[in-house]
Protein backbone atom coordinates (compact mmCIF):
# COMPACT_ATOMS: atom_id res chain seq x y z
CA MET A 1 -16.38 -16.00 -32.62
CA LEU A 2 -13.07 -14.84 -31.97
CA SER A 3 -13.12 -16.63 -28.67
CA LYS A 4 -14.21 -19.64 -30.30
CA MET A 5 -11.29 -19.54 -32.55
CA ALA A 6 -9.24 -19.06 -30.01
CA GLY A 7 -10.15 -21.78 -28.54
CA ARG A 8 -9.62 -23.70 -31.21
CA PHE A 9 -6.13 -22.49 -31.81
CA GLN A 10 -5.11 -22.96 -28.10
CA GLY A 11 -7.10 -26.03 -27.46
CA GLY A 12 -8.03 -27.31 -23.98
CA TYR A 13 -8.54 -29.97 -21.40
CA MET A 14 -8.27 -33.05 -23.60
CA GLN A 15 -8.35 -31.46 -26.98
CA ILE A 16 -5.03 -30.54 -28.70
CA GLY A 17 -5.19 -26.85 -30.50
CA GLU A 18 -4.47 -26.19 -34.17
CA GLY A 19 -1.54 -24.13 -32.84
CA ASP A 20 0.22 -27.32 -31.92
CA ASN A 21 0.13 -28.43 -35.36
CA PRO A 22 3.78 -27.98 -36.17
CA TYR A 23 2.99 -27.23 -39.72
CA ILE A 24 0.47 -24.08 -38.46
CA SER A 25 2.82 -23.13 -35.80
CA ARG A 26 5.55 -22.13 -38.32
CA VAL A 27 3.01 -20.01 -39.63
CA TRP A 28 1.48 -18.77 -36.71
CA ASN A 29 3.25 -19.71 -33.45
CA GLU A 30 0.97 -17.76 -31.15
CA TRP A 31 -2.88 -16.69 -30.99
CA ASN A 32 -2.66 -12.78 -30.60
CA GLU A 33 -4.78 -9.56 -31.57
CA ALA A 34 -3.01 -9.54 -35.18
CA LEU A 35 -4.11 -13.16 -36.13
CA ALA A 36 -7.62 -12.98 -34.64
CA SER A 37 -8.20 -9.96 -36.39
CA GLU A 38 -6.60 -11.27 -39.60
CA ALA A 39 -8.77 -14.88 -39.76
CA LYS A 40 -12.28 -12.76 -39.14
CA THR A 41 -11.16 -10.78 -42.35
CA LEU A 42 -10.60 -13.44 -43.81
CA ALA A 43 -13.84 -15.64 -43.01
CA HIS A 44 -15.85 -12.90 -43.83
CA LEU A 45 -14.19 -12.54 -47.66
CA VAL A 46 -14.68 -16.31 -47.95
CA LEU A 47 -18.07 -16.40 -46.46
CA GLU A 48 -19.18 -13.29 -48.97
CA ALA A 49 -20.02 -14.38 -51.91
CA PRO A 50 -22.08 -17.89 -51.30
CA ARG A 51 -23.85 -15.42 -48.61
CA THR A 52 -25.00 -12.85 -50.98
CA LEU A 53 -25.58 -15.34 -53.69
CA SER A 54 -27.54 -17.52 -52.03
CA ILE A 55 -31.52 -17.84 -52.66
CA SER A 56 -34.08 -18.88 -49.61
CA ALA A 57 -35.40 -22.36 -50.51
CA GLU A 58 -38.78 -20.67 -51.24
CA GLU A 59 -37.46 -18.84 -54.18
CA TYR A 60 -35.46 -22.04 -55.28
CA TYR A 61 -38.44 -23.94 -55.65
CA SER A 62 -40.82 -21.43 -57.08
CA ALA A 63 -38.57 -21.02 -59.87
CA SER A 64 -39.55 -22.03 -62.99
CA PRO A 65 -37.41 -24.65 -64.95
CA ALA A 66 -35.67 -23.32 -67.72
CA GLY A 67 -36.90 -24.06 -71.18
C-alpha cells in the first residue's frame, strides 16, 4: 500500500506525481517515512467507520422493511 502511495506522490514515467502539484507541495514537499506513516493512519481512520458499519449484500436484502 505504501509503495503505491509513494509512486502516486512522486510520479513516474509519463505521469506527474501529486507532489508536483504546487498546492500539495507547499504542505508536503517530499515523500518520507513520516508522511507515509501519517497518510496510512489517516486513511485507516477515514475508512474505519464505513468498513465496520457496513453489512453484506445478503444481510441487506434479507432485512424486512420497516413498517
